[in-house]
Amino acid sequence: MTPERNSTVTLHPDFAGTWDIDPAHSRIGFQSRHAMVAKVRGAFNSVTGSVRFDGDAPSDAAIEVRVDMASVDTRNADRDQHLRGADFFDVETYPEMVFVSTAVDEVEENSFIVTGDLTIRDVTRHISIPLEMLGLETDPFGQQRAGFEGSRRIDRKEFGVSWNTPLDSGGVLVSDKVTLEFELSLVKRREG
């Protein structure tokens, strides 16, 4: 069910402008089941992107996020190397994961559904991501910051990431369902 667009919602005036993802304080992570019994968590250490608010409504936002797939980090060098290879991300051929928004709707106060196109391994799928705004503050250096977090489960096989190994029990080594985790700190660009 698609949430109804609320055209009467207006954003705080401080949102107008362009915001950049602060890579030092942001995380795009993931978790997946391994051998059907444990969770493996990881993150991408190189994330860039921006959010542009041209108007005073959430629907006026334009979001683009780029993830350097070679920056994958699961705290295990051998596993990370395997993820970078052709079995999984094939970073030599497909160096980036990209998300570009097509719609932003506020469904409750400070809760948004961001819909857009996610591209992994040159396969693009239209997805919706629920995000919660954690706050809007000015830091000690005079920069305006906004924090958002959320998660979305995807089927990795829909993006051409289908490598697996069967287990004796009938299960598989790596689950098809992967939860993407978004913890984003945005810094407003200073105009002029």
Protein backbone atom coordinates (compact mmCIF):
# COMPACT_ATOMS: atom_id res chain seq x y z
CA MET A 1 0.00 0.00 0.00
CA THR A 2 1.43 3.36 -1.02
CA PRO A 3 1.17 6.14 1.57
CA GLU A 4 -0.97 9.10 0.60
CA ARG A 5 0.98 12.17 -0.31
CA ASN A 6 0.37 14.92 2.21
CA SER A 7 0.65 18.16 0.27
CA THR A 8 0.02 20.32 3.35
CA VAL A 9 3.22 19.25 5.11
CA THR A 10 5.91 21.90 5.10
CA LEU A 11 9.51 21.49 6.11
CA HIS A 12 11.34 23.56 8.68
CA PRO A 13 12.66 26.67 6.85
CA ASP A 14 16.24 25.67 7.68
CA PHE A 15 15.93 22.70 5.32
CA ALA A 16 15.89 24.82 2.15
CA GLY A 17 19.12 24.33 0.22
CA THR A 18 21.56 21.51 -0.45
CA TRP A 19 22.86 19.08 2.14
CA ASP A 20 25.86 16.78 1.73
CA ILE A 21 26.32 13.40 3.37
CA ASP A 22 29.05 13.62 5.98
CA PRO A 23 30.95 10.36 5.31
CA ALA A 24 32.77 10.52 8.65
CA HIS A 25 29.47 10.40 10.55
CA SER A 26 27.32 8.32 8.19
CA ARG A 27 27.00 4.60 7.63
CA ILE A 28 25.42 2.47 4.95
CA GLY A 29 25.47 -1.00 6.36
CA PHE A 30 24.00 -4.41 5.67
CA GLN A 31 23.25 -7.65 7.44
CA SER A 32 22.66 -11.12 6.10
CA ARG A 33 22.39 -14.66 7.47
CA HIS A 34 25.44 -16.90 7.18
CA ALA A 35 25.09 -20.70 7.18
CA MET A 36 21.47 -20.20 8.28
CA VAL A 37 22.59 -19.73 11.92
CA ALA A 38 24.42 -16.41 12.32
CA LYS A 39 24.19 -12.83 11.13
CA VAL A 40 27.03 -11.19 9.27
CA ARG A 41 27.12 -7.41 9.43
CA GLY A 42 29.14 -5.08 7.29
CA ALA A 43 29.29 -1.55 6.00
CA PHE A 44 30.61 0.49 3.13
CA ASN A 45 33.29 2.92 4.29
CA SER A 46 33.02 5.31 1.34
CA VAL A 47 29.62 6.98 0.90
CA THR A 48 28.89 10.28 -0.82
CA GLY A 49 25.75 12.06 -1.85
CA SER A 50 23.47 14.99 -1.39
CA VAL A 51 19.92 16.03 -0.64
CA ARG A 52 18.50 19.13 -2.29
CA PHE A 53 15.37 20.83 -0.95
CA ASP A 54 14.14 23.25 -3.62
CA GLY A 55 10.82 24.02 -1.96
CA ASP A 56 9.16 23.84 1.41
CA ALA A 57 7.60 20.37 1.13
CA PRO A 58 9.25 16.94 1.44
CA SER A 59 8.05 16.16 -2.09
CA ASP A 60 10.38 18.91 -3.36
CA ALA A 61 13.48 16.96 -2.26
CA ALA A 62 15.98 15.34 -4.63
CA ILE A 63 18.34 12.72 -3.17
CA GLU A 64 21.37 10.99 -4.65
CA VAL A 65 23.61 8.56 -2.77
CA ARG A 66 26.73 6.88 -4.18
CA VAL A 67 28.51 3.99 -2.48
CA ASP A 68 32.01 2.82 -3.41
CA MET A 69 31.50 -0.96 -3.45
CA ALA A 70 35.23 -1.63 -2.98
CA SER A 71 34.95 -0.01 0.46
CA VAL A 72 32.97 -3.01 1.81
CA ASP A 73 34.09 -3.89 5.33
CA THR A 74 32.86 -6.94 7.28
CA ARG A 75 35.89 -7.08 9.61
CA ASN A 76 37.21 -10.13 7.73
CA ALA A 77 39.72 -9.48 4.92
CA ASP A 78 39.11 -12.78 3.09
CA ARG A 79 35.33 -12.31 3.12
CA ASP A 80 35.68 -8.68 1.99
CA GLN A 81 37.87 -9.77 -0.93
CA HIS A 82 35.29 -12.40 -1.91
CA LEU A 83 32.51 -9.76 -1.76
CA ARG A 84 34.54 -7.47 -4.05
CA GLY A 85 34.98 -10.25 -6.61
CA ALA A 86 32.79 -11.47 -9.47
CA ASP A 87 30.76 -13.81 -7.23
CA PHE A 88 29.21 -10.82 -5.45
CA PHE A 89 29.76 -7.12 -6.24
CA ASP A 90 32.30 -7.42 -9.09
CA VAL A 91 33.74 -4.02 -8.20
CA GLU A 92 36.09 -3.98 -11.20
CA THR A 93 33.06 -3.87 -13.50
CA TYR A 94 30.47 -2.24 -11.20
CA PRO A 95 32.33 0.09 -8.84
CA GLU A 96 29.30 1.90 -7.39
CA MET A 97 25.89 1.32 -5.87
CA VAL A 98 23.67 4.32 -6.63
CA PHE A 99 20.33 5.46 -5.25
CA VAL A 100 18.40 8.35 -6.89
CA SER A 101 15.09 9.43 -5.39
CA THR A 102 11.91 9.87 -7.40
CA ALA A 103 9.59 10.84 -4.52
CA VAL A 104 9.74 11.77 -0.85
CA ASP A 105 6.63 11.62 1.32
CA GLU A 106 6.25 12.50 4.99
CA VAL A 107 3.97 9.79 6.40
CA GLU A 108 4.15 10.95 10.03
CA GLU A 109 5.94 13.80 11.72
CA ASN A 110 9.67 13.28 11.06
CA SER A 111 9.01 9.95 9.31
CA PHE A 112 9.48 9.72 5.56
CA ILE A 113 9.16 7.21 2.75
CA VAL A 114 11.87 7.86 0.17
CA THR A 115 11.14 6.14 -3.14
CA GLY A 116 13.66 5.86 -5.91
CA ASP A 117 15.89 3.77 -8.13
CA LEU A 118 18.58 1.59 -6.56
CA THR A 119 21.28 0.33 -8.92
CA ILE A 120 23.60 -2.54 -7.99
CA ARG A 121 25.72 -4.37 -10.62
CA ASP A 122 24.02 -2.31 -13.37
CA VAL A 123 20.59 -3.64 -12.32
CA THR A 124 18.09 -0.96 -11.30
CA ARG A 125 15.05 -1.62 -9.12
CA HIS A 126 12.46 0.82 -7.81
CA ILE A 127 12.33 0.62 -4.00
CA SER A 128 10.95 2.56 -1.04
CA ILE A 129 12.99 3.26 2.08
CA PRO A 130 11.46 4.39 5.38
CA LEU A 131 13.61 7.03 7.08
CA GLU A 132 13.19 8.76 10.42
CA MET A 133 14.61 12.22 11.05
CA LEU A 134 16.54 12.12 14.32
CA GLY A 135 17.14 15.83 14.63
CA LEU A 136 18.18 19.16 13.18
CA GLU A 137 20.98 20.97 15.02
CA THR A 138 23.80 23.47 14.60
CA ASP A 139 27.11 21.92 15.59
CA PRO A 140 29.91 23.74 17.52
CA PHE A 141 31.48 24.77 14.18
CA GLY A 142 28.34 26.58 13.02
CA GLN A 143 27.31 23.89 10.54
CA GLN A 144 23.69 22.88 10.31
CA ARG A 145 23.28 19.10 10.59
CA ALA A 146 20.36 16.76 10.10
CA GLY A 147 20.31 13.10 11.06
CA PHE A 148 18.26 10.30 9.46
CA GLU A 149 18.14 6.56 9.91
CA GLY A 150 16.21 3.63 8.51
CA SER A 151 16.47 0.19 6.99
CA ARG A 152 15.10 -1.77 4.03
CA ARG A 153 15.28 -5.46 3.21
CA ILE A 154 16.06 -6.41 -0.39
CA ASP A 155 16.53 -9.66 -2.28
CA ARG A 156 20.13 -9.60 -3.52
CA LYS A 157 19.32 -12.00 -6.39
CA GLU A 158 17.08 -9.30 -7.92
CA PHE A 159 20.29 -7.26 -8.41
CA GLY A 160 22.32 -10.07 -9.98
CA VAL A 161 24.11 -11.00 -6.75
CA SER A 162 23.23 -14.68 -6.71
CA TRP A 163 26.33 -16.70 -5.71
CA ASN A 164 25.67 -19.32 -3.04
CA THR A 165 26.69 -22.75 -1.77
CA PRO A 166 24.22 -25.39 -0.55
CA LEU A 167 24.52 -26.79 2.96
CA ASP A 168 24.04 -30.44 3.93
CA SER A 169 20.89 -29.46 5.86
CA GLY A 170 19.23 -28.20 2.68
CA GLY A 171 19.88 -24.54 3.44
CA VAL A 172 22.37 -22.20 1.81
CA LEU A 173 25.54 -20.51 3.00
CA VAL A 174 24.35 -16.92 2.36
CA SER A 175 20.75 -15.76 2.68
CA ASP A 176 19.11 -14.11 -0.32
CA LYS A 177 17.48 -11.46 1.87
CA VAL A 178 19.79 -8.64 2.92
CA THR A 179 18.86 -5.75 5.20
CA LEU A 180 20.34 -2.40 4.17
CA GLU A 181 20.89 0.00 7.07
CA PHE A 182 21.05 3.78 6.67
CA GLU A 183 22.53 6.11 9.29
CA LEU A 184 23.00 9.47 7.62
CA SER A 185 24.41 12.71 8.93
CA LEU A 186 23.82 15.58 6.51
CA VAL A 187 25.63 18.93 6.56
CA LYS A 188 24.05 21.95 4.91
CA ARG A 189 26.16 23.64 2.24
CA ARG A 190 26.98 27.24 2.93
CA GLU A 191 25.73 29.36 0.07
CA GLY A 192 27.98 31.98 -1.45
